[in-house]
N, C-alpha and C. Protein backbone atom coordinates (compact mmCIF):
# COMPACT_ATOMS: atom_id res chain seq x y z
N MET A 1 -0.77 44.51 -5.27
CA MET A 1 -0.52 43.17 -5.82
C MET A 1 -0.19 42.23 -4.67
N PRO A 2 -0.86 41.06 -4.63
CA PRO A 2 -0.63 40.15 -3.51
C PRO A 2 0.76 39.52 -3.56
N ILE A 3 1.24 39.18 -2.37
CA ILE A 3 2.51 38.47 -2.24
C ILE A 3 2.19 36.97 -2.32
N TRP A 4 2.86 36.27 -3.23
CA TRP A 4 2.64 34.84 -3.40
C TRP A 4 3.53 34.06 -2.44
N MET A 5 2.98 33.04 -1.83
CA MET A 5 3.76 32.12 -1.01
C MET A 5 3.44 30.72 -1.51
N ARG A 6 4.48 29.92 -1.61
CA ARG A 6 4.30 28.53 -2.05
C ARG A 6 4.18 27.62 -0.85
N GLN A 7 3.21 26.71 -0.93
CA GLN A 7 3.03 25.70 0.10
C GLN A 7 2.85 24.35 -0.55
N ALA A 8 2.96 23.31 0.26
CA ALA A 8 2.70 21.94 -0.20
C ALA A 8 1.77 21.29 0.81
N ALA A 9 0.95 20.38 0.32
CA ALA A 9 -0.02 19.70 1.17
C ALA A 9 -0.12 18.23 0.81
N ALA A 10 -0.58 17.46 1.79
CA ALA A 10 -0.86 16.04 1.57
C ALA A 10 -2.33 15.79 1.87
N ILE A 11 -2.96 14.99 1.02
CA ILE A 11 -4.28 14.46 1.34
C ILE A 11 -4.03 13.01 1.77
N PRO A 12 -3.98 12.79 3.08
CA PRO A 12 -3.66 11.46 3.60
C PRO A 12 -4.86 10.52 3.50
N VAL A 13 -4.61 9.32 2.94
CA VAL A 13 -5.67 8.35 2.72
C VAL A 13 -5.25 7.01 3.32
N ARG A 14 -6.21 6.38 4.01
CA ARG A 14 -5.98 5.05 4.57
C ARG A 14 -7.33 4.38 4.73
N ASP A 15 -7.44 3.16 4.23
CA ASP A 15 -8.67 2.37 4.35
C ASP A 15 -9.90 3.12 3.84
N GLY A 16 -9.73 3.84 2.72
CA GLY A 16 -10.85 4.53 2.10
C GLY A 16 -11.30 5.79 2.83
N ARG A 17 -10.52 6.25 3.79
CA ARG A 17 -10.85 7.46 4.54
C ARG A 17 -9.74 8.50 4.38
N ILE A 18 -10.10 9.75 4.62
CA ILE A 18 -9.17 10.87 4.50
C ILE A 18 -8.92 11.44 5.89
N CYS A 19 -7.67 11.79 6.16
CA CYS A 19 -7.34 12.41 7.44
C CYS A 19 -7.36 13.93 7.30
N LEU A 20 -8.18 14.57 8.12
CA LEU A 20 -8.20 16.02 8.21
C LEU A 20 -7.68 16.43 9.57
N VAL A 21 -7.16 17.65 9.65
CA VAL A 21 -6.73 18.22 10.92
C VAL A 21 -7.36 19.59 11.06
N THR A 22 -7.45 20.06 12.29
CA THR A 22 -7.94 21.42 12.48
C THR A 22 -6.82 22.39 12.17
N SER A 23 -7.20 23.57 11.73
CA SER A 23 -6.22 24.63 11.49
C SER A 23 -5.58 25.01 12.83
N SER A 24 -4.51 25.77 12.78
CA SER A 24 -3.84 26.14 14.03
C SER A 24 -4.76 26.94 14.95
N SER A 25 -5.74 27.65 14.39
CA SER A 25 -6.71 28.38 15.21
C SER A 25 -7.77 27.45 15.78
N GLY A 26 -7.91 26.26 15.19
CA GLY A 26 -8.93 25.31 15.62
C GLY A 26 -10.30 25.58 15.07
N ARG A 27 -10.43 26.57 14.18
CA ARG A 27 -11.75 26.95 13.67
C ARG A 27 -12.15 26.26 12.37
N ARG A 28 -11.19 25.72 11.64
CA ARG A 28 -11.51 25.11 10.34
C ARG A 28 -10.85 23.75 10.23
N TRP A 29 -11.39 22.92 9.35
CA TRP A 29 -10.77 21.64 9.02
C TRP A 29 -9.97 21.82 7.74
N VAL A 30 -8.77 21.26 7.72
CA VAL A 30 -7.85 21.39 6.59
C VAL A 30 -7.11 20.07 6.41
N VAL A 31 -6.33 19.98 5.35
CA VAL A 31 -5.38 18.88 5.20
C VAL A 31 -4.02 19.40 5.67
N PRO A 32 -3.12 18.51 6.05
CA PRO A 32 -1.79 18.99 6.46
C PRO A 32 -1.11 19.75 5.32
N LYS A 33 -0.68 20.97 5.61
CA LYS A 33 -0.03 21.79 4.59
C LYS A 33 0.86 22.81 5.26
N GLY A 34 1.83 23.29 4.49
CA GLY A 34 2.71 24.31 5.03
C GLY A 34 3.69 24.79 3.99
N GLN A 35 4.50 25.73 4.42
CA GLN A 35 5.48 26.37 3.55
C GLN A 35 6.55 25.37 3.10
N ILE A 36 7.05 25.59 1.89
CA ILE A 36 8.14 24.77 1.36
C ILE A 36 9.44 25.46 1.77
N ASP A 37 10.16 24.86 2.68
CA ASP A 37 11.40 25.45 3.18
C ASP A 37 12.49 25.38 2.11
N PRO A 38 13.40 26.34 2.12
CA PRO A 38 14.52 26.33 1.16
C PRO A 38 15.28 25.00 1.24
N GLY A 39 15.61 24.47 0.07
CA GLY A 39 16.33 23.21 0.00
C GLY A 39 15.45 21.98 0.02
N HIS A 40 14.14 22.16 0.18
CA HIS A 40 13.21 21.03 0.19
C HIS A 40 12.36 21.05 -1.07
N THR A 41 11.97 19.88 -1.53
CA THR A 41 11.03 19.78 -2.64
C THR A 41 9.62 19.92 -2.08
N PRO A 42 8.65 20.21 -2.93
CA PRO A 42 7.27 20.24 -2.46
C PRO A 42 6.84 18.91 -1.83
N GLY A 43 7.28 17.80 -2.41
CA GLY A 43 6.93 16.49 -1.85
C GLY A 43 7.50 16.30 -0.46
N GLU A 44 8.75 16.69 -0.27
CA GLU A 44 9.35 16.59 1.06
C GLU A 44 8.58 17.44 2.06
N ALA A 45 8.20 18.64 1.65
CA ALA A 45 7.44 19.53 2.53
C ALA A 45 6.09 18.91 2.89
N ALA A 46 5.41 18.30 1.93
CA ALA A 46 4.11 17.67 2.21
C ALA A 46 4.26 16.55 3.23
N LEU A 47 5.30 15.74 3.11
CA LEU A 47 5.53 14.65 4.06
C LEU A 47 5.84 15.19 5.46
N VAL A 48 6.64 16.25 5.52
CA VAL A 48 6.96 16.86 6.82
C VAL A 48 5.69 17.40 7.48
N GLU A 49 4.85 18.08 6.71
CA GLU A 49 3.62 18.64 7.27
C GLU A 49 2.68 17.54 7.75
N ALA A 50 2.57 16.44 7.01
CA ALA A 50 1.71 15.32 7.43
C ALA A 50 2.20 14.76 8.77
N TRP A 51 3.50 14.68 8.96
CA TRP A 51 4.06 14.20 10.22
C TRP A 51 3.82 15.20 11.34
N GLU A 52 4.20 16.47 11.11
CA GLU A 52 4.13 17.47 12.16
C GLU A 52 2.70 17.79 12.59
N GLU A 53 1.78 17.89 11.62
CA GLU A 53 0.42 18.31 11.92
C GLU A 53 -0.52 17.16 12.27
N ALA A 54 -0.23 15.95 11.78
CA ALA A 54 -1.17 14.85 11.97
C ALA A 54 -0.55 13.55 12.49
N GLY A 55 0.77 13.48 12.59
CA GLY A 55 1.40 12.26 13.08
C GLY A 55 1.33 11.11 12.11
N LEU A 56 1.37 11.43 10.81
CA LEU A 56 1.22 10.42 9.77
C LEU A 56 2.54 10.18 9.03
N VAL A 57 2.76 8.92 8.68
CA VAL A 57 3.90 8.51 7.89
C VAL A 57 3.35 7.79 6.67
N GLY A 58 3.97 8.00 5.52
CA GLY A 58 3.47 7.32 4.33
C GLY A 58 4.25 7.70 3.09
N ALA A 59 3.66 7.40 1.95
CA ALA A 59 4.29 7.66 0.65
C ALA A 59 3.35 8.49 -0.21
N LEU A 60 3.94 9.43 -0.92
CA LEU A 60 3.17 10.27 -1.84
C LEU A 60 3.09 9.62 -3.21
N ASP A 61 2.01 9.91 -3.94
CA ASP A 61 1.97 9.53 -5.35
C ASP A 61 3.11 10.27 -6.05
N SER A 62 3.59 9.72 -7.16
CA SER A 62 4.74 10.31 -7.83
C SER A 62 4.46 11.69 -8.41
N GLU A 63 3.21 11.96 -8.76
CA GLU A 63 2.83 13.26 -9.31
C GLU A 63 1.79 13.91 -8.42
N PRO A 64 1.81 15.23 -8.31
CA PRO A 64 0.78 15.91 -7.51
C PRO A 64 -0.59 15.78 -8.14
N LEU A 65 -1.63 15.86 -7.30
CA LEU A 65 -3.01 15.85 -7.79
C LEU A 65 -3.31 17.15 -8.54
N GLY A 66 -2.72 18.23 -8.07
CA GLY A 66 -2.97 19.55 -8.65
C GLY A 66 -2.64 20.60 -7.62
N SER A 67 -3.23 21.77 -7.78
CA SER A 67 -2.95 22.86 -6.85
C SER A 67 -4.20 23.72 -6.69
N TYR A 68 -4.18 24.53 -5.66
CA TYR A 68 -5.24 25.51 -5.44
C TYR A 68 -4.62 26.72 -4.76
N SER A 69 -5.35 27.81 -4.75
CA SER A 69 -4.88 29.04 -4.11
C SER A 69 -5.91 29.52 -3.11
N TYR A 70 -5.42 30.21 -2.09
CA TYR A 70 -6.30 30.86 -1.13
C TYR A 70 -5.59 32.08 -0.58
N GLU A 71 -6.36 32.94 0.07
CA GLU A 71 -5.78 34.17 0.62
C GLU A 71 -5.79 34.10 2.13
N LYS A 72 -4.69 34.57 2.73
CA LYS A 72 -4.57 34.61 4.18
C LYS A 72 -3.71 35.81 4.56
N LEU A 73 -4.25 36.67 5.39
CA LEU A 73 -3.52 37.84 5.88
C LEU A 73 -2.94 38.69 4.75
N GLY A 74 -3.72 38.88 3.69
CA GLY A 74 -3.29 39.71 2.58
C GLY A 74 -2.30 39.05 1.63
N ARG A 75 -2.06 37.79 1.83
CA ARG A 75 -1.13 37.05 0.95
C ARG A 75 -1.90 36.01 0.17
N GLU A 76 -1.48 35.81 -1.05
CA GLU A 76 -2.05 34.75 -1.87
C GLU A 76 -1.14 33.53 -1.72
N LEU A 77 -1.72 32.42 -1.26
CA LEU A 77 -0.94 31.20 -1.07
C LEU A 77 -1.29 30.21 -2.16
N HIS A 78 -0.27 29.64 -2.78
CA HIS A 78 -0.42 28.65 -3.84
C HIS A 78 0.03 27.31 -3.27
N VAL A 79 -0.88 26.33 -3.25
CA VAL A 79 -0.62 25.05 -2.59
C VAL A 79 -0.57 23.92 -3.61
N LEU A 80 0.56 23.21 -3.68
CA LEU A 80 0.71 22.03 -4.51
C LEU A 80 0.31 20.83 -3.65
N VAL A 81 -0.64 20.02 -4.14
CA VAL A 81 -1.26 18.98 -3.32
C VAL A 81 -0.95 17.58 -3.86
N TYR A 82 -0.54 16.70 -2.94
CA TYR A 82 -0.23 15.30 -3.25
C TYR A 82 -1.19 14.38 -2.51
N ARG A 83 -1.48 13.24 -3.12
CA ARG A 83 -2.19 12.16 -2.43
C ARG A 83 -1.15 11.37 -1.67
N MET A 84 -1.44 11.06 -0.41
CA MET A 84 -0.51 10.32 0.44
C MET A 84 -1.16 9.02 0.91
N THR A 85 -0.50 7.90 0.64
CA THR A 85 -0.94 6.62 1.18
C THR A 85 -0.30 6.47 2.55
N VAL A 86 -1.12 6.45 3.58
CA VAL A 86 -0.63 6.40 4.96
C VAL A 86 -0.25 4.97 5.32
N THR A 87 0.97 4.82 5.84
CA THR A 87 1.46 3.50 6.26
C THR A 87 1.55 3.36 7.77
N ASP A 88 1.57 4.51 8.48
CA ASP A 88 1.68 4.46 9.94
C ASP A 88 1.02 5.70 10.53
N VAL A 89 0.26 5.50 11.59
CA VAL A 89 -0.41 6.58 12.31
C VAL A 89 0.13 6.56 13.74
N ARG A 90 0.81 7.62 14.13
CA ARG A 90 1.44 7.69 15.45
C ARG A 90 0.51 8.34 16.47
N ASP A 91 0.62 7.92 17.72
CA ASP A 91 -0.17 8.50 18.80
C ASP A 91 0.44 9.81 19.30
N THR A 92 1.73 9.98 19.07
CA THR A 92 2.43 11.17 19.52
C THR A 92 3.06 11.83 18.30
N TRP A 93 2.84 13.16 18.15
CA TRP A 93 3.42 13.90 17.04
C TRP A 93 3.61 15.34 17.47
N PRO A 94 4.42 16.10 16.75
CA PRO A 94 4.80 17.45 17.20
C PRO A 94 3.64 18.40 17.52
N GLU A 95 2.57 18.42 16.72
CA GLU A 95 1.49 19.39 16.94
C GLU A 95 0.23 18.78 17.53
N ARG A 96 0.37 17.67 18.24
CA ARG A 96 -0.80 16.97 18.79
C ARG A 96 -1.58 17.82 19.80
N ASN A 97 -0.90 18.76 20.47
CA ASN A 97 -1.60 19.62 21.44
C ASN A 97 -2.21 20.86 20.79
N LEU A 98 -1.92 21.06 19.51
CA LEU A 98 -2.41 22.23 18.78
C LEU A 98 -3.57 21.90 17.84
N ARG A 99 -3.59 20.66 17.36
CA ARG A 99 -4.56 20.26 16.33
C ARG A 99 -5.32 19.00 16.72
N THR A 100 -6.51 18.87 16.16
CA THR A 100 -7.30 17.65 16.28
C THR A 100 -7.23 16.92 14.95
N ARG A 101 -7.09 15.61 15.00
CA ARG A 101 -7.01 14.79 13.80
C ARG A 101 -8.30 13.98 13.70
N ALA A 102 -8.84 13.86 12.48
CA ALA A 102 -10.07 13.08 12.27
C ALA A 102 -9.98 12.31 10.95
N TRP A 103 -10.37 11.05 10.99
CA TRP A 103 -10.47 10.24 9.78
C TRP A 103 -11.92 10.28 9.33
N VAL A 104 -12.14 10.73 8.10
CA VAL A 104 -13.50 10.95 7.61
C VAL A 104 -13.67 10.36 6.22
N THR A 105 -14.93 10.18 5.84
CA THR A 105 -15.24 9.75 4.48
C THR A 105 -15.06 10.94 3.54
N LEU A 106 -15.07 10.67 2.26
CA LEU A 106 -14.97 11.75 1.27
C LEU A 106 -16.11 12.75 1.46
N ASP A 107 -17.33 12.26 1.62
CA ASP A 107 -18.47 13.17 1.77
C ASP A 107 -18.31 14.04 3.02
N GLU A 108 -17.84 13.46 4.11
CA GLU A 108 -17.61 14.26 5.32
C GLU A 108 -16.52 15.31 5.09
N ALA A 109 -15.46 14.92 4.38
CA ALA A 109 -14.38 15.86 4.08
C ALA A 109 -14.90 17.02 3.23
N LEU A 110 -15.71 16.71 2.24
CA LEU A 110 -16.27 17.76 1.38
C LEU A 110 -17.17 18.71 2.17
N ASP A 111 -17.86 18.19 3.18
CA ASP A 111 -18.70 19.04 4.03
C ASP A 111 -17.87 19.95 4.93
N ARG A 112 -16.68 19.49 5.35
CA ARG A 112 -15.88 20.23 6.32
C ARG A 112 -14.91 21.23 5.69
N ILE A 113 -14.42 20.93 4.48
CA ILE A 113 -13.42 21.79 3.84
C ILE A 113 -14.09 22.98 3.19
N GLU A 114 -13.53 24.18 3.42
CA GLU A 114 -14.12 25.41 2.87
C GLU A 114 -13.58 25.80 1.51
N GLU A 115 -12.30 25.56 1.22
CA GLU A 115 -11.68 26.02 -0.02
C GLU A 115 -12.19 25.21 -1.21
N PRO A 116 -12.85 25.88 -2.19
CA PRO A 116 -13.39 25.16 -3.35
C PRO A 116 -12.33 24.40 -4.14
N GLY A 117 -11.15 24.97 -4.31
CA GLY A 117 -10.09 24.29 -5.06
C GLY A 117 -9.63 23.02 -4.38
N LEU A 118 -9.56 23.04 -3.07
CA LEU A 118 -9.18 21.83 -2.33
C LEU A 118 -10.29 20.79 -2.39
N ARG A 119 -11.53 21.23 -2.36
CA ARG A 119 -12.66 20.28 -2.49
C ARG A 119 -12.58 19.54 -3.83
N ASP A 120 -12.24 20.26 -4.90
CA ASP A 120 -12.09 19.61 -6.21
C ASP A 120 -10.99 18.56 -6.18
N LEU A 121 -9.88 18.86 -5.50
CA LEU A 121 -8.78 17.91 -5.42
C LEU A 121 -9.14 16.70 -4.56
N LEU A 122 -9.94 16.91 -3.53
CA LEU A 122 -10.40 15.78 -2.72
C LEU A 122 -11.19 14.79 -3.57
N ARG A 123 -12.02 15.34 -4.46
CA ARG A 123 -12.79 14.45 -5.35
C ARG A 123 -11.87 13.63 -6.24
N LEU A 124 -10.75 14.22 -6.65
CA LEU A 124 -9.80 13.50 -7.50
C LEU A 124 -9.16 12.31 -6.79
N VAL A 125 -9.05 12.40 -5.47
CA VAL A 125 -8.44 11.30 -4.71
C VAL A 125 -9.16 10.00 -5.02
N PHE A 126 -10.46 10.06 -5.11
CA PHE A 126 -11.25 8.86 -5.40
C PHE A 126 -11.88 8.92 -6.78
N ARG A 127 -11.43 9.88 -7.61
CA ARG A 127 -11.90 10.06 -8.99
C ARG A 127 -13.41 10.21 -9.05
N VAL A 128 -13.94 11.08 -8.18
CA VAL A 128 -15.38 11.35 -8.15
C VAL A 128 -15.62 12.68 -8.82
N LYS A 129 -16.55 12.72 -9.74
CA LYS A 129 -16.86 13.97 -10.42
C LYS A 129 -17.72 14.85 -9.53
N ALA A 130 -17.59 16.15 -9.73
CA ALA A 130 -18.41 17.10 -8.98
C ALA A 130 -19.87 16.89 -9.36
N ALA A 131 -20.74 17.12 -8.40
CA ALA A 131 -22.17 16.97 -8.65
C ALA A 131 -22.61 17.98 -9.71
N THR A 132 -23.46 17.52 -10.58
CA THR A 132 -24.00 18.42 -11.61
C THR A 132 -25.51 18.52 -11.39
N ARG A 133 -26.06 19.58 -11.90
CA ARG A 133 -27.51 19.74 -11.79
C ARG A 133 -28.21 18.69 -12.64
N PRO A 134 -29.26 18.12 -12.12
CA PRO A 134 -30.02 17.17 -12.95
C PRO A 134 -30.71 17.91 -14.09
N THR A 135 -30.79 17.26 -15.20
CA THR A 135 -31.49 17.85 -16.34
C THR A 135 -32.56 16.88 -16.79
N LEU A 136 -33.58 17.43 -17.37
CA LEU A 136 -34.66 16.59 -17.91
C LEU A 136 -34.33 16.21 -19.35
N ALA A 137 -34.46 14.97 -19.63
CA ALA A 137 -34.22 14.52 -21.00
C ALA A 137 -35.51 14.74 -21.80
N SER A 138 -35.33 15.18 -23.03
CA SER A 138 -36.52 15.36 -23.86
C SER A 138 -36.65 14.16 -24.78
N ALA A 139 -37.86 13.86 -25.11
CA ALA A 139 -38.13 12.68 -25.94
C ALA A 139 -37.83 12.91 -27.38
């Protein structure tokens, strides 16, 4: 049975673009996310991760967009995700030497993100429905 870990994430948005960061390994693009430390709310954790991983300051929507799960090192991680309106982008931040930050369009973010559950939540940021197969209408 997998061990569950709770995490919180922010989808940072500014001027119609989304901020992605590289994972700590540098191999994947992700949104800022991390463990919810004891005594912190998921929202507080999301704001801390946005600052530490991407150098972003801002405000979260009052309610989370939703959640998704993924597996890492034999653990199942459950991530509660918030939309974040970015108010300040700093040039210096704690993990600037570990991660790359990129501002991308929704389509670019969907191309870069691997986790299907997170891709669905990205679409919610701009209320875009998932692509459906075209069907032929009959007369």
